Protein backbone atom coordinates (compact mmCIF):
# COMPACT_ATOMS: atom_id res chain seq x y z
CA UNK A 1 86.21 96.62 98.98
CA UNK A 2 89.77 95.78 99.86
CA UNK A 3 92.24 98.62 100.11
CA UNK A 4 95.55 99.67 101.74
CA UNK A 5 94.31 100.96 105.09
CA UNK A 6 96.71 102.78 107.88
CA UNK A 7 95.96 101.21 111.20
CA UNK A 8 97.25 101.82 114.62
CA UNK A 9 97.16 99.34 117.10
CA UNK A 10 99.42 99.36 120.38
CA UNK A 11 101.09 102.42 119.43
CA UNK A 12 102.39 101.25 115.90
CA UNK A 13 101.08 102.36 112.87
CA UNK A 14 100.88 99.64 109.80
CA UNK A 15 99.17 99.13 106.33
CA UNK A 16 96.33 96.57 106.55
CA UNK A 17 93.85 95.13 103.83
CA UNK A 18 91.23 95.43 106.44
CA UNK A 19 89.69 98.72 107.91
CA UNK A 20 90.64 99.33 111.45
CA UNK A 21 90.98 102.22 114.10
CA UNK A 22 93.69 104.57 113.80
CA UNK A 23 93.90 105.54 117.57
CA UNK A 24 96.30 108.66 116.92
CA UNK A 25 94.06 110.29 114.70
CA UNK A 26 90.84 108.98 116.64
CA UNK A 27 89.13 107.54 113.54
CA UNK A 28 87.30 104.28 113.08
CA UNK A 29 89.24 103.73 109.93
CA UNK A 30 91.58 105.34 107.72
CA UNK A 31 93.47 105.24 104.32
CA UNK A 32 95.92 107.35 102.08
CA UNK A 33 93.91 108.39 99.03
CA UNK A 34 94.88 111.77 98.30
CA UNK A 35 97.90 112.05 96.33
CA UNK A 36 98.39 109.43 93.87
CA UNK A 37 101.75 111.52 92.45
CA UNK A 38 103.15 110.92 95.91
CA UNK A 39 102.34 107.23 96.59
CA UNK A 40 101.43 104.25 95.01
CA UNK A 41 99.38 103.20 97.81
CA UNK A 42 97.18 106.50 97.22
CA UNK A 43 96.75 105.77 93.51
CA UNK A 44 95.85 102.03 94.14
CA UNK A 45 93.16 103.14 96.81
CA UNK A 46 91.89 105.58 94.24
CA UNK A 47 91.57 102.96 91.86
CA UNK A 48 89.39 100.69 94.16
CA UNK A 49 87.30 103.51 95.28
CA UNK A 50 86.80 105.09 91.96
CA UNK A 51 85.62 101.62 90.59
CA UNK A 52 83.15 101.03 93.70
CA UNK A 53 81.84 104.32 93.16
CA UNK A 54 81.13 103.65 89.63
CA UNK A 55 79.71 100.25 90.29
CA UNK A 56 82.54 98.39 88.60
CA UNK A 57 84.53 95.78 89.98
CA UNK A 58 87.51 97.26 91.84
CA UNK A 59 91.05 96.20 89.72
CA UNK A 60 92.11 94.10 92.71
CA UNK A 61 88.78 92.29 93.28
CA UNK A 62 89.88 88.61 94.08
CA UNK A 63 93.28 89.49 94.02
CA UNK A 64 94.35 89.81 97.61
CA UNK A 65 97.70 88.14 97.21
CA UNK A 66 98.72 90.99 94.95
CA UNK A 67 97.37 93.37 97.32
CA UNK A 68 99.29 91.56 100.02
CA UNK A 69 102.50 91.84 98.16
CA UNK A 70 102.09 95.63 97.36
CA UNK A 71 101.43 96.29 100.63
CA UNK A 72 104.48 94.49 102.01
CA UNK A 73 106.57 95.92 99.26
CA UNK A 74 105.31 99.64 99.88
CA UNK A 75 105.98 99.00 103.91
CA UNK A 76 109.78 98.10 102.87
CA UNK A 77 110.10 100.89 100.84
CA UNK A 78 108.17 103.31 103.02
CA UNK A 79 110.43 102.45 106.06
CA UNK A 80 113.68 103.49 104.08
CA UNK A 81 112.04 106.71 103.14
CA UNK A 82 111.06 107.28 106.75
CA UNK A 83 115.01 106.66 107.59
CA UNK A 84 116.09 108.98 105.06
CA UNK A 85 113.44 111.87 106.10
CA UNK A 86 114.68 111.43 109.89
CA UNK A 87 118.10 111.78 108.81
CA UNK A 88 117.36 114.76 106.89
CA UNK A 89 115.48 116.56 109.50
CA UNK A 90 118.37 115.40 111.96
CA UNK A 91 121.13 117.05 109.48
CA UNK A 92 119.17 120.23 109.26
CA UNK A 93 118.55 120.28 112.97
CA UNK A 94 122.15 119.93 113.47
CA UNK A 95 123.22 122.59 110.66
CA UNK A 96 120.50 125.13 112.42
CA UNK A 97 122.29 124.70 115.62
CA UNK A 98 125.80 125.10 114.46
CA UNK A 99 124.87 128.18 112.11
CA UNK A 100 123.20 129.86 115.12
CA UNK A 101 125.91 129.06 117.47
CA UNK A 102 123.17 127.63 119.92
CA UNK A 103 124.77 125.84 122.77
CA UNK A 104 121.75 125.66 125.10
CA UNK A 105 118.24 125.12 124.28
CA UNK A 106 115.22 123.53 125.67
CA UNK A 107 113.72 119.85 125.12
CA UNK A 108 110.71 117.92 126.24
CA UNK A 109 111.08 114.63 127.85
CA UNK A 110 109.55 111.85 125.75
CA UNK A 111 110.42 108.96 127.93
CA UNK A 112 113.00 107.34 129.92
CA UNK A 113 116.29 109.42 128.91
CA UNK A 114 114.87 110.33 125.41
CA UNK A 115 114.41 114.02 124.79
CA UNK A 116 112.43 115.68 121.58
CA UNK A 117 114.40 119.56 121.14
CA UNK A 118 111.74 122.01 121.09
CA UNK A 119 113.31 124.56 118.35
CA UNK A 120 114.50 121.67 115.83
CA UNK A 121 113.34 118.34 114.64
CA UNK A 122 115.96 116.24 116.95
CA UNK A 123 115.20 113.28 119.04
CA UNK A 124 118.05 112.57 121.45
CA UNK A 125 119.10 110.12 124.39
CA UNK A 126 120.79 111.90 127.15
CA UNK A 127 122.33 109.64 129.75
CA UNK A 128 122.74 112.57 132.35
CA UNK A 129 119.18 113.20 132.43
CA UNK A 130 117.33 112.65 135.62
CA UNK A 131 114.50 110.31 135.87
CA UNK A 132 111.31 113.03 135.16
CA UNK A 133 107.85 112.26 133.95
CA UNK A 134 107.24 112.44 130.13
CA UNK A 135 106.20 115.87 128.97
CA UNK A 136 108.68 117.72 131.44
CA UNK A 137 110.52 120.74 129.96
CA UNK A 138 114.19 120.78 130.48
CA UNK A 139 117.16 122.98 129.57
CA UNK A 140 120.12 121.32 127.97
CA UNK A 141 123.76 122.15 127.04
CA UNK A 142 124.74 121.04 123.16
CA UNK A 143 128.22 120.27 122.30
CA UNK A 144 130.43 118.55 119.63
CA UNK A 145 127.79 119.05 116.78
CA UNK A 146 128.95 116.47 113.77
CA UNK A 147 126.61 117.28 110.80
CA UNK A 148 128.45 114.14 108.73
CA UNK A 149 128.04 111.79 111.34
CA UNK A 150 124.54 113.31 112.58
CA UNK A 151 125.64 113.21 116.03
CA UNK A 152 125.86 115.66 118.97
CA UNK A 153 126.77 115.55 122.38
CA UNK A 154 123.75 116.76 124.98
CA UNK A 155 124.06 117.14 128.59
CA UNK A 156 121.06 117.70 131.30
CA UNK A 157 121.58 121.32 132.56
CA UNK A 158 118.19 121.70 134.81
CA UNK A 159 114.49 121.41 134.56
CA UNK A 160 113.05 124.60 132.39
CA UNK A 161 111.55 127.36 134.73
CA UNK A 162 107.66 126.79 134.02
CA UNK A 163 106.62 129.72 135.93
CA UNK A 164 108.33 132.26 133.77
CA UNK A 165 108.66 130.35 130.49
CA UNK A 166 112.13 131.36 130.40
CA UNK A 167 115.17 128.89 130.53
């Protein structure tokens, strides 16, 4: 039956009307169907599955164009939600750093000059970061936090001392 499947190919997660692997989760097929109060996608998938389980024709049987439109609209709206979520996490991460007067912390190299802070949900490009392999833990200095613009200035200090676990 047609449903709105979550698939991941080449690192990018997207919706599809056809089941395919979700590589990060390590499953051959995956869909959202647990919370119809949170996402229309879940509700639509539950309608399709319940009808199938009861031996009835699914509500969107033969209406692939409708499903395509719903999928496209959902993905557009979901990207707006994702951006809002990232901004909210960044805001509260910056507020926490300000509140606790944190001026130095550890972070993990994601790739190139992109770091993920270890203690707050902040991803930050750091131009002063030397070339280090992904997964390397580093110590960074933090300054000029602006919770309105959601910006902060981060400077590479040194690699974290993995032997003692301290920074």
